[in-house]
Amino acid sequence: MRTSEPHTRICRIMASTVSVLLGVLSLIVSQAAQAGEDEVTFTRTLSGAGYSTLQNEYIPGEAITIHIDIQKQGSSEVTAIGFIDLAPPGWTVSSVFTGSDKSAKTIQPVIQPEIGDSETLNFLWIDVPVLPFFIEYTLNIPTDQFEEVAFAGTCGYRFTAGALSFESTTFINGPPCIYFTRTSNAYVADDLLAVSIAIYHDGCTDSPLALGIEERIPAGWTLDSVAGPDTPAFSSPLDSEDILDFGWTTIPSSPVEFTYYLQVPLAEDDDPEYIDGEVLYHLDADLLQSATVETEIENGTPPPLDSELSVSPDPLFDFIVGIVMVDTTTSNTLSLTNIGEGTINGTAILNDPAGVFSITSGGTYSLGTSASSDMTINFSPTTIGDFTATLDLPGGANGTATITLKGTSVYMKSAWMTLLGCGPSTIPGPSPWSDLAILITALTLLLYRGVRCRRVR
């Protein structure tokens, strides 16, 4: 088979007239020498699922990308340029792109191949792009082709006068008589991914004696199940990782088709993943293999839905848990609601230097869309005074909500009895008169409970 190195020859600027006079001949030689410094050339690079770099082979049924880099040598200005590529018969265009690494503005050709075109592919510019620039197009390869093929390209150009050209041909070996294709959708984290395999062996003169395929899968992915129509006679155990093997002792007719399912773990990033592998087979005693096929699998995991935690009463205001006598307990309730989408999972974090507050229920929460839950806060002081703590409620996409908790403790019995003139003028223990809460409590008792004094002895 022929190698993939392009056969190149450099076209030089030559004079269009010949003169027998020595002076004119000297001028022609001088122009030719200068022309050797001014030229336009191109190189071709092949890639994609339809091309095996190692064996320089194309893979039927896949797509191949052709990248043409066009560059100029010398200082002469290119005033016109075009490119023609002769592609293998039956190979059809699926996409076309042109661009320039030197220009912020990409100049598109006025003529370029259309989707579905084949064989003669023309590119022509009116405004010459800034050189160097590139052409890139993708071709779909037929499934019934096995012979060696070639791409023959010609770059035609002009400096100030005279048409010049540069030609190059790239040869690609035909595939082995057995090849395969792999198809799959984008993967979704923490879900199953179906990978479908089709193995073609009808290009062989002799039928294969044994047939198998080795697949290398992303790290952390595991085999979940295997299904037909041509279910392998043997395969790697379920939950296998890294390398999967499938095989047949009785060879199904071509194409051999089956699907295996992979369990995808939770994704740590948005990067694509890759699966590659080869068909292994025997036509005689020797073990042979197909070209390696690599498939890029995009991450199709949907972005997380935005959740939003709403707290009632409003966290902008202090949350008064209660006013109680020393050594007693009171409680109050917060309401948490997910007013966004998705799920909020979190655990409340209490920062209480005095240790007088506690969460008695609802401290851990899981809230779906529009779901609500209550959280009960206790206040149990052992000394008189005003107390403050903070409560952090994480989990929402809108960030952590921070609540300020407040509570007040008093010697309530002595305070309200003295205030009403029913007790001694001196209140045992620390004076509570600086605490406005005592007055409020006493007035409340007068208005709503009909307090009656009893003599205190």
Protein backbone atom coordinates (compact mmCIF):
# COMPACT_ATOMS: atom_id res chain seq x y z
CA MET A 1 0.00 0.00 0.00
CA ARG A 2 1.13 3.56 -0.61
CA THR A 3 2.17 5.79 2.26
CA SER A 4 0.30 8.86 3.47
CA GLU A 5 3.17 11.31 2.79
CA PRO A 6 1.86 13.89 0.30
CA HIS A 7 3.61 14.07 -3.05
CA THR A 8 4.48 17.77 -3.37
CA ARG A 9 6.11 19.92 -6.02
CA ILE A 10 6.65 23.67 -5.80
CA CYS A 11 5.46 25.82 -8.70
CA ARG A 12 7.72 28.72 -9.46
CA ILE A 13 7.06 31.98 -11.30
CA MET A 14 8.41 31.67 -14.84
CA ALA A 15 8.58 34.20 -17.60
CA SER A 16 5.91 33.84 -20.30
CA THR A 17 8.19 34.87 -23.17
CA VAL A 18 11.53 33.65 -24.37
CA SER A 19 14.19 35.77 -26.11
CA VAL A 20 17.36 34.68 -27.79
CA LEU A 21 19.12 37.81 -26.63
CA LEU A 22 21.49 37.21 -23.74
CA GLY A 23 20.23 40.27 -21.90
CA VAL A 24 16.66 39.06 -21.99
CA LEU A 25 17.72 35.54 -20.96
CA SER A 26 19.57 36.97 -17.96
CA LEU A 27 16.42 38.84 -16.96
CA ILE A 28 14.36 35.63 -17.15
CA VAL A 29 16.85 33.78 -14.95
CA SER A 30 16.75 36.64 -12.45
CA GLN A 31 12.94 36.56 -12.31
CA ALA A 32 12.91 32.79 -11.87
CA ALA A 33 15.33 33.04 -8.94
CA GLN A 34 13.10 35.59 -7.27
CA ALA A 35 10.05 33.45 -7.96
CA GLY A 36 11.55 30.65 -5.92
CA GLU A 37 11.06 32.80 -2.85
CA ASP A 38 7.41 33.63 -3.59
CA GLU A 39 5.03 30.69 -3.52
CA VAL A 40 1.81 29.40 -1.99
CA THR A 41 1.70 25.84 -0.67
CA PHE A 42 -0.67 23.73 1.39
CA THR A 43 -0.64 20.69 3.64
CA ARG A 44 -3.46 18.25 4.36
CA THR A 45 -4.23 16.62 7.72
CA LEU A 46 -6.81 13.86 8.27
CA SER A 47 -8.68 13.14 11.51
CA GLY A 48 -12.01 12.05 12.94
CA ALA A 49 -13.76 8.79 13.74
CA GLY A 50 -13.41 7.71 10.10
CA TYR A 51 -9.62 7.79 10.07
CA SER A 52 -7.04 5.60 11.80
CA THR A 53 -3.78 7.52 12.12
CA LEU A 54 -1.78 4.46 13.14
CA GLN A 55 -2.59 2.44 10.03
CA ASN A 56 -3.42 5.39 7.73
CA GLU A 57 -6.76 3.68 7.06
CA TYR A 58 -10.25 4.99 6.60
CA ILE A 59 -13.20 3.38 8.39
CA PRO A 60 -16.34 2.78 6.32
CA GLY A 61 -19.56 4.23 7.70
CA GLU A 62 -17.78 6.90 9.74
CA ALA A 63 -16.95 10.57 9.11
CA ILE A 64 -13.49 11.89 8.23
CA THR A 65 -12.31 15.49 8.67
CA ILE A 66 -9.95 17.05 6.12
CA HIS A 67 -7.95 20.07 7.30
CA ILE A 68 -6.09 22.11 4.66
CA ASP A 69 -3.50 24.67 5.82
CA ILE A 70 -2.65 27.19 3.09
CA GLN A 71 0.45 29.32 3.58
CA LYS A 72 2.57 31.79 1.60
CA GLN A 73 6.32 32.20 1.35
CA GLY A 74 7.92 35.42 0.21
CA SER A 75 6.83 39.04 0.23
CA SER A 76 4.71 39.18 -2.92
CA GLU A 77 1.04 39.95 -2.46
CA VAL A 78 -1.47 37.26 -3.41
CA THR A 79 -4.17 38.93 -5.53
CA ALA A 80 -6.35 35.87 -6.25
CA ILE A 81 -6.63 32.36 -4.81
CA GLY A 82 -8.78 29.24 -5.10
CA PHE A 83 -8.63 25.60 -4.09
CA ILE A 84 -9.96 22.39 -5.62
CA ASP A 85 -9.93 19.05 -3.80
CA LEU A 86 -10.83 15.82 -5.58
CA ALA A 87 -12.34 13.54 -2.93
CA PRO A 88 -12.96 9.79 -3.27
CA PRO A 89 -16.15 8.93 -5.19
CA GLY A 90 -19.22 8.51 -3.01
CA TRP A 91 -17.76 10.39 -0.04
CA THR A 92 -20.22 13.21 0.70
CA VAL A 93 -19.77 16.57 2.45
CA SER A 94 -21.42 16.93 5.87
CA SER A 95 -19.84 20.23 7.03
CA VAL A 96 -17.51 23.01 5.81
CA PHE A 97 -15.56 25.64 7.73
CA THR A 98 -12.86 28.15 6.73
CA GLY A 99 -10.88 30.55 8.86
CA SER A 100 -7.69 32.52 9.37
CA ASP A 101 -5.42 32.47 12.38
CA LYS A 102 -4.04 35.90 11.45
CA SER A 103 -7.25 37.83 10.84
CA ALA A 104 -9.91 38.84 13.32
CA LYS A 105 -12.36 38.77 10.42
CA THR A 106 -12.87 35.42 8.70
CA ILE A 107 -13.30 35.80 4.94
CA GLN A 108 -15.71 33.18 3.62
CA PRO A 109 -15.31 31.89 0.06
CA VAL A 110 -17.88 32.98 -2.49
CA ILE A 111 -17.95 29.41 -3.76
CA GLN A 112 -17.66 26.39 -1.48
CA PRO A 113 -19.10 22.85 -1.37
CA GLU A 114 -22.69 22.33 -0.30
CA ILE A 115 -23.84 19.66 2.14
CA GLY A 116 -24.15 16.41 0.20
CA ASP A 117 -21.62 17.36 -2.53
CA SER A 118 -18.99 14.81 -3.49
CA GLU A 119 -15.83 14.30 -5.56
CA THR A 120 -14.94 17.77 -7.00
CA LEU A 121 -14.98 20.29 -4.14
CA ASN A 122 -14.37 23.91 -5.13
CA PHE A 123 -13.36 26.87 -2.95
CA LEU A 124 -13.02 30.35 -4.45
CA TRP A 125 -12.46 33.78 -2.86
CA ILE A 126 -12.97 37.25 -4.34
CA ASP A 127 -11.33 38.98 -1.37
CA VAL A 128 -8.15 37.09 -0.62
CA PRO A 129 -7.98 35.91 3.03
CA VAL A 130 -5.01 36.83 5.16
CA LEU A 131 -2.47 34.06 4.81
CA PRO A 132 -1.97 31.62 6.37
CA PHE A 133 -5.56 30.39 6.52
CA PHE A 134 -7.25 27.01 6.54
CA ILE A 135 -10.08 25.02 5.02
CA GLU A 136 -11.75 22.27 7.00
CA TYR A 137 -14.53 20.01 5.82
CA THR A 138 -16.02 16.68 6.87
CA LEU A 139 -17.01 13.78 4.61
CA ASN A 140 -19.24 10.79 5.29
CA ILE A 141 -17.58 7.55 4.18
CA PRO A 142 -19.74 4.89 2.46
CA THR A 143 -20.11 1.54 4.21
CA ASP A 144 -19.30 -0.56 1.13
CA GLN A 145 -15.84 0.74 0.20
CA PHE A 146 -12.56 -1.07 0.96
CA GLU A 147 -10.00 -0.11 -1.70
CA GLU A 148 -7.23 2.46 -1.39
CA VAL A 149 -8.41 6.03 -2.05
CA ALA A 150 -6.75 9.40 -2.65
CA PHE A 151 -7.34 13.12 -2.21
CA ALA A 152 -5.85 15.23 -5.03
CA GLY A 153 -5.74 18.93 -4.24
CA THR A 154 -4.75 21.94 -6.31
CA CYS A 155 -4.27 25.47 -5.00
CA GLY A 156 -4.41 28.04 -7.79
CA TYR A 157 -3.21 31.57 -7.10
CA ARG A 158 -1.90 34.77 -8.66
CA PHE A 159 0.60 37.36 -7.54
CA THR A 160 0.68 40.50 -9.71
CA ALA A 161 0.60 38.61 -12.99
CA GLY A 162 0.45 35.05 -14.21
CA ALA A 163 -1.51 32.12 -12.83
CA LEU A 164 0.36 29.64 -10.64
CA SER A 165 -0.61 26.48 -8.83
CA PHE A 166 0.52 23.98 -6.20
CA GLU A 167 -0.66 20.37 -6.21
CA SER A 168 -0.58 17.60 -3.61
CA THR A 169 -2.09 14.13 -3.35
CA THR A 170 -2.78 12.18 -0.16
CA PHE A 171 -3.36 8.43 -0.29
CA ILE A 172 -5.33 6.50 2.34
CA ASN A 173 -5.24 2.74 2.73
CA GLY A 174 -8.44 0.78 2.55
CA PRO A 175 -9.70 -0.69 5.81
CA PRO A 176 -9.16 -4.27 6.96
CA CYS A 177 -11.84 -6.63 5.71
CA ILE A 178 -13.43 -6.33 9.18
CA TYR A 179 -14.33 -2.98 10.68
CA PHE A 180 -16.91 -1.66 13.13
CA THR A 181 -18.86 1.43 14.12
CA ARG A 182 -19.87 2.66 17.56
CA THR A 183 -22.76 5.00 18.34
CA SER A 184 -24.04 6.51 21.58
CA ASN A 185 -25.81 9.58 22.87
CA ALA A 186 -24.38 12.09 25.33
CA TYR A 187 -23.88 10.68 28.81
CA VAL A 188 -25.88 11.78 31.84
CA ALA A 189 -24.33 11.60 35.30
CA ASP A 190 -25.67 8.84 37.56
CA ASP A 191 -27.57 7.21 34.68
CA LEU A 192 -27.22 4.44 32.08
CA LEU A 193 -25.57 5.03 28.71
CA ALA A 194 -26.39 2.79 25.73
CA VAL A 195 -23.44 2.03 23.41
CA SER A 196 -24.37 0.33 20.12
CA ILE A 197 -21.83 -1.70 18.13
CA ALA A 198 -22.07 -2.86 14.49
CA ILE A 199 -19.27 -5.15 13.19
CA TYR A 200 -18.95 -5.60 9.41
CA HIS A 201 -17.10 -8.68 8.15
CA ASP A 202 -18.52 -9.19 4.65
CA GLY A 203 -15.43 -7.59 3.07
CA CYS A 204 -13.33 -10.67 3.84
CA THR A 205 -12.64 -13.33 1.23
CA ASP A 206 -12.92 -15.99 3.93
CA SER A 207 -15.38 -15.96 6.80
CA PRO A 208 -13.83 -15.23 10.21
CA LEU A 209 -13.22 -18.26 12.42
CA ALA A 210 -13.52 -16.27 15.65
CA LEU A 211 -14.68 -12.75 16.39
CA GLY A 212 -14.47 -10.46 19.39
CA ILE A 213 -14.22 -6.81 20.36
CA GLU A 214 -12.30 -5.05 23.12
CA GLU A 215 -13.69 -1.76 24.45
CA ARG A 216 -11.86 0.65 26.75
CA ILE A 217 -14.29 2.75 28.77
CA PRO A 218 -13.84 5.82 31.03
CA ALA A 219 -12.53 5.32 34.54
CA GLY A 220 -15.26 4.72 37.10
CA TRP A 221 -17.83 3.60 34.50
CA THR A 222 -19.07 0.02 34.84
CA LEU A 223 -20.84 -2.53 32.63
CA ASP A 224 -24.51 -2.81 33.53
CA SER A 225 -26.00 -5.14 30.89
CA VAL A 226 -25.72 -6.46 27.32
CA ALA A 227 -28.51 -6.88 24.74
CA GLY A 228 -28.95 -8.14 21.14
CA PRO A 229 -29.92 -8.59 18.45
CA ASP A 230 -26.59 -10.44 18.16
CA THR A 231 -25.87 -10.83 21.86
CA PRO A 232 -22.25 -11.92 22.39
CA ALA A 233 -21.72 -15.54 23.41
CA PHE A 234 -19.47 -14.30 26.20
CA SER A 235 -18.72 -10.92 27.71
CA SER A 236 -17.00 -9.33 30.68
CA PRO A 237 -18.76 -9.79 34.03
CA LEU A 238 -21.28 -7.16 35.03
CA ASP A 239 -19.79 -4.27 37.03
CA SER A 240 -16.50 -4.65 35.09
CA GLU A 241 -14.45 -1.47 34.67
CA ASP A 242 -11.81 -0.06 32.31
CA ILE A 243 -11.67 -2.84 29.64
CA LEU A 244 -14.66 -4.82 28.34
CA ASP A 245 -14.41 -7.94 26.17
CA PHE A 246 -17.19 -9.41 24.02
CA GLY A 247 -16.96 -12.39 21.67
CA TRP A 248 -18.67 -15.00 19.48
CA THR A 249 -17.67 -18.56 18.63
CA THR A 250 -20.44 -18.92 16.06
CA ILE A 251 -20.22 -15.81 13.92
CA PRO A 252 -23.54 -14.04 13.14
CA SER A 253 -24.05 -12.68 9.65
CA SER A 254 -22.74 -9.19 8.89
CA PRO A 255 -23.35 -6.71 10.40
CA VAL A 256 -23.04 -8.14 13.91
CA GLU A 257 -25.04 -5.79 16.10
CA PHE A 258 -25.43 -5.53 19.86
CA THR A 259 -25.74 -2.88 22.57
CA TYR A 260 -24.07 -2.72 25.93
CA TYR A 261 -25.12 -0.40 28.76
CA LEU A 262 -22.75 1.48 31.04
CA GLN A 263 -23.50 2.87 34.48
CA VAL A 264 -22.18 6.43 34.53
CA PRO A 265 -21.10 7.78 37.94
CA LEU A 266 -21.77 11.28 39.23
CA ALA A 267 -19.78 13.68 37.05
CA GLU A 268 -17.15 15.87 38.67
CA ASP A 269 -16.81 18.17 35.63
CA ASP A 270 -18.38 18.94 32.26
CA ASP A 271 -15.65 17.41 30.10
CA PRO A 272 -16.44 14.87 27.37
CA GLU A 273 -15.40 11.25 27.86
CA TYR A 274 -13.98 8.75 25.35
CA ILE A 275 -14.46 5.10 24.44
CA ASP A 276 -12.05 3.36 22.07
CA GLY A 277 -11.48 -0.21 20.98
CA GLU A 278 -10.74 -2.75 18.22
CA VAL A 279 -12.30 -5.83 16.72
CA LEU A 280 -10.12 -8.92 17.20
CA TYR A 281 -10.57 -11.83 14.79
CA HIS A 282 -9.08 -14.95 13.21
CA LEU A 283 -9.18 -15.73 9.50
CA ASP A 284 -6.55 -18.41 10.11
CA ALA A 285 -4.16 -19.09 12.95
CA ASP A 286 -3.04 -15.47 13.25
CA LEU A 287 -4.84 -13.01 15.50
CA LEU A 288 -5.78 -9.89 13.56
CA GLN A 289 -7.37 -6.63 14.60
CA SER A 290 -9.34 -3.82 13.01
CA ALA A 291 -8.47 -0.16 13.05
CA THR A 292 -8.94 1.51 16.43
CA VAL A 293 -12.19 3.46 16.68
CA GLU A 294 -12.44 6.27 19.24
CA THR A 295 -15.75 7.91 20.11
CA GLU A 296 -16.06 11.20 21.95
CA ILE A 297 -19.09 11.25 24.26
CA GLU A 298 -20.36 14.65 25.26
CA ASN A 299 -21.64 15.40 28.75
CA GLY A 300 -25.42 15.70 28.47
CA THR A 301 -26.04 16.06 32.19
CA PRO A 302 -28.63 18.84 32.63
CA PRO A 303 -27.48 21.76 34.79
CA PRO A 304 -28.77 21.72 38.34
CA LEU A 305 -32.05 23.53 38.81
CA ASP A 306 -31.92 26.72 40.84
CA SER A 307 -33.38 26.30 44.30
CA GLU A 308 -34.20 29.17 46.63
CA LEU A 309 -34.69 28.88 50.37
CA SER A 310 -37.30 31.17 51.91
CA VAL A 311 -37.48 31.55 55.71
CA SER A 312 -40.41 32.87 57.73
CA PRO A 313 -40.25 35.08 59.78
CA ASP A 314 -37.99 37.17 57.52
CA PRO A 315 -34.27 36.69 58.37
CA LEU A 316 -33.78 40.45 57.99
CA PHE A 317 -35.38 40.82 61.42
CA ASP A 318 -34.36 39.24 64.72
CA PHE A 319 -36.21 36.08 65.60
CA ILE A 320 -37.50 36.40 69.21
CA VAL A 321 -37.69 32.92 70.64
CA GLY A 322 -39.31 34.13 73.91
CA ILE A 323 -39.22 35.89 77.31
CA VAL A 324 -39.21 33.44 80.20
CA MET A 325 -38.36 33.04 83.86
CA VAL A 326 -34.96 31.66 84.72
CA ASP A 327 -34.79 27.84 84.64
CA THR A 328 -37.84 27.52 82.39
CA THR A 329 -38.13 26.80 78.66
CA THR A 330 -40.04 28.34 75.81
CA SER A 331 -40.01 27.56 72.06
CA ASN A 332 -40.81 29.17 68.75
CA THR A 333 -41.00 27.88 65.17
CA LEU A 334 -39.34 28.88 61.89
CA SER A 335 -40.86 27.89 58.55
CA LEU A 336 -38.57 26.88 55.64
CA THR A 337 -39.85 26.75 52.01
CA ASN A 338 -38.15 25.98 48.68
CA ILE A 339 -39.64 28.65 46.40
CA GLY A 340 -37.34 27.66 43.49
CA GLU A 341 -36.78 24.42 41.58
CA GLY A 342 -34.69 21.38 42.33
CA THR A 343 -34.06 20.12 45.85
CA ILE A 344 -32.58 21.84 48.89
CA ASN A 345 -30.69 19.60 51.30
CA GLY A 346 -29.17 21.05 54.43
CA THR A 347 -28.55 20.90 58.15
CA ALA A 348 -28.95 23.93 60.39
CA ILE A 349 -25.83 25.22 62.16
CA LEU A 350 -26.42 26.83 65.58
CA ASN A 351 -23.83 29.27 66.94
CA ASP A 352 -24.80 29.83 70.59
CA PRO A 353 -22.01 31.05 72.91
CA ALA A 354 -24.21 30.88 76.03
CA GLY A 355 -25.68 27.49 75.25
CA VAL A 356 -29.26 28.54 76.00
CA PHE A 357 -30.80 27.81 72.56
CA SER A 358 -31.36 24.41 70.96
CA ILE A 359 -32.98 22.90 67.86
CA THR A 360 -35.53 20.33 68.92
CA SER A 361 -36.96 19.38 65.49
CA GLY A 362 -36.45 20.10 61.80
CA GLY A 363 -32.72 20.72 62.05
CA THR A 364 -32.03 18.60 58.95
CA TYR A 365 -34.22 19.27 55.92
CA SER A 366 -34.75 18.11 52.33
CA LEU A 367 -37.12 20.33 50.38
CA GLY A 368 -38.30 19.68 46.85
CA THR A 369 -39.93 22.32 44.68
CA SER A 370 -42.54 24.26 46.74
CA ALA A 371 -42.00 21.97 49.76
CA SER A 372 -41.97 23.37 53.31
CA SER A 373 -40.89 22.22 56.77
CA ASP A 374 -40.88 23.66 60.30
CA MET A 375 -37.92 24.02 62.62
CA THR A 376 -38.51 24.35 66.37
CA ILE A 377 -36.08 26.40 68.50
CA ASN A 378 -36.01 26.13 72.32
CA PHE A 379 -34.82 28.82 74.73
CA SER A 380 -33.82 27.54 78.20
CA PRO A 381 -31.92 30.18 80.24
CA THR A 382 -30.37 29.43 83.62
CA THR A 383 -29.45 33.02 84.45
CA ILE A 384 -31.13 36.37 84.06
CA GLY A 385 -30.30 38.48 81.01
CA ASP A 386 -30.63 39.03 77.26
CA PHE A 387 -29.21 36.29 75.00
CA THR A 388 -28.29 36.24 71.30
CA ALA A 389 -27.29 33.41 68.94
CA THR A 390 -27.13 32.88 65.18
CA LEU A 391 -28.64 30.09 63.10
CA ASP A 392 -27.22 29.29 59.61
CA LEU A 393 -29.51 27.54 57.11
CA PRO A 394 -27.46 26.30 54.08
CA GLY A 395 -28.52 24.47 50.94
CA GLY A 396 -30.27 26.96 48.69
CA ALA A 397 -28.74 28.24 45.45
CA ASN A 398 -29.29 31.72 46.87
CA GLY A 399 -26.73 30.98 49.60
CA THR A 400 -26.90 30.40 53.33
CA ALA A 401 -29.64 32.18 55.25
CA THR A 402 -28.49 33.48 58.66
CA ILE A 403 -31.05 34.07 61.41
CA THR A 404 -30.37 36.06 64.60
CA LEU A 405 -32.04 34.39 67.62
CA LYS A 406 -32.89 36.39 70.72
CA GLY A 407 -34.32 35.54 74.12
CA THR A 408 -34.74 37.22 77.53
CA SER A 409 -34.90 35.68 81.00
CA VAL A 410 -36.21 37.37 84.19
CA TYR A 411 -37.00 36.65 87.86
CA MET A 412 -40.63 37.00 86.90
CA LYS A 413 -42.38 36.21 90.19
CA SER A 414 -40.63 38.89 92.26
CA ALA A 415 -40.74 41.41 89.46
CA TRP A 416 -44.49 41.53 88.82
CA MET A 417 -45.44 41.24 92.53
CA THR A 418 -43.27 44.21 93.51
CA LEU A 419 -44.43 46.24 90.55
CA LEU A 420 -48.04 45.87 91.74
CA GLY A 421 -47.15 46.85 95.27
CA CYS A 422 -47.93 43.39 96.57
CA GLY A 423 -44.47 42.37 97.64
CA PRO A 424 -41.40 43.63 99.46
CA SER A 425 -39.71 46.80 98.28
CA THR A 426 -36.48 44.88 97.82
CA ILE A 427 -36.40 42.09 95.29
CA PRO A 428 -34.08 39.23 96.16
CA GLY A 429 -31.40 38.51 93.63
CA PRO A 430 -30.23 40.69 90.76
CA SER A 431 -32.39 43.73 90.01
CA PRO A 432 -34.52 43.26 86.91
CA TRP A 433 -35.75 46.86 86.74
CA SER A 434 -33.40 47.74 83.92
CA ASP A 435 -35.13 45.16 81.81
CA LEU A 436 -38.02 46.68 79.89
CA ALA A 437 -39.39 43.19 79.37
CA ILE A 438 -40.51 43.08 83.02
CA LEU A 439 -42.74 46.10 82.61
CA ILE A 440 -44.26 44.70 79.41
CA THR A 441 -44.92 41.36 81.08
CA ALA A 442 -46.46 42.93 84.15
CA LEU A 443 -48.80 45.14 82.15
CA THR A 444 -49.83 42.15 80.06
CA LEU A 445 -50.71 40.25 83.21
CA LEU A 446 -52.81 43.18 84.46
CA LEU A 447 -54.75 43.54 81.23
CA TYR A 448 -55.34 39.94 80.27
CA ARG A 449 -55.14 37.78 83.34
CA GLY A 450 -56.75 39.85 86.11
CA VAL A 451 -53.92 39.46 88.49
CA ARG A 452 -54.75 39.51 92.17
CA CYS A 453 -52.22 40.11 94.82
CA ARG A 454 -51.69 38.05 97.84
CA ARG A 455 -49.81 39.29 100.86
CA VAL A 456 -46.28 38.00 100.85
CA ARG A 457 -44.95 37.25 104.21
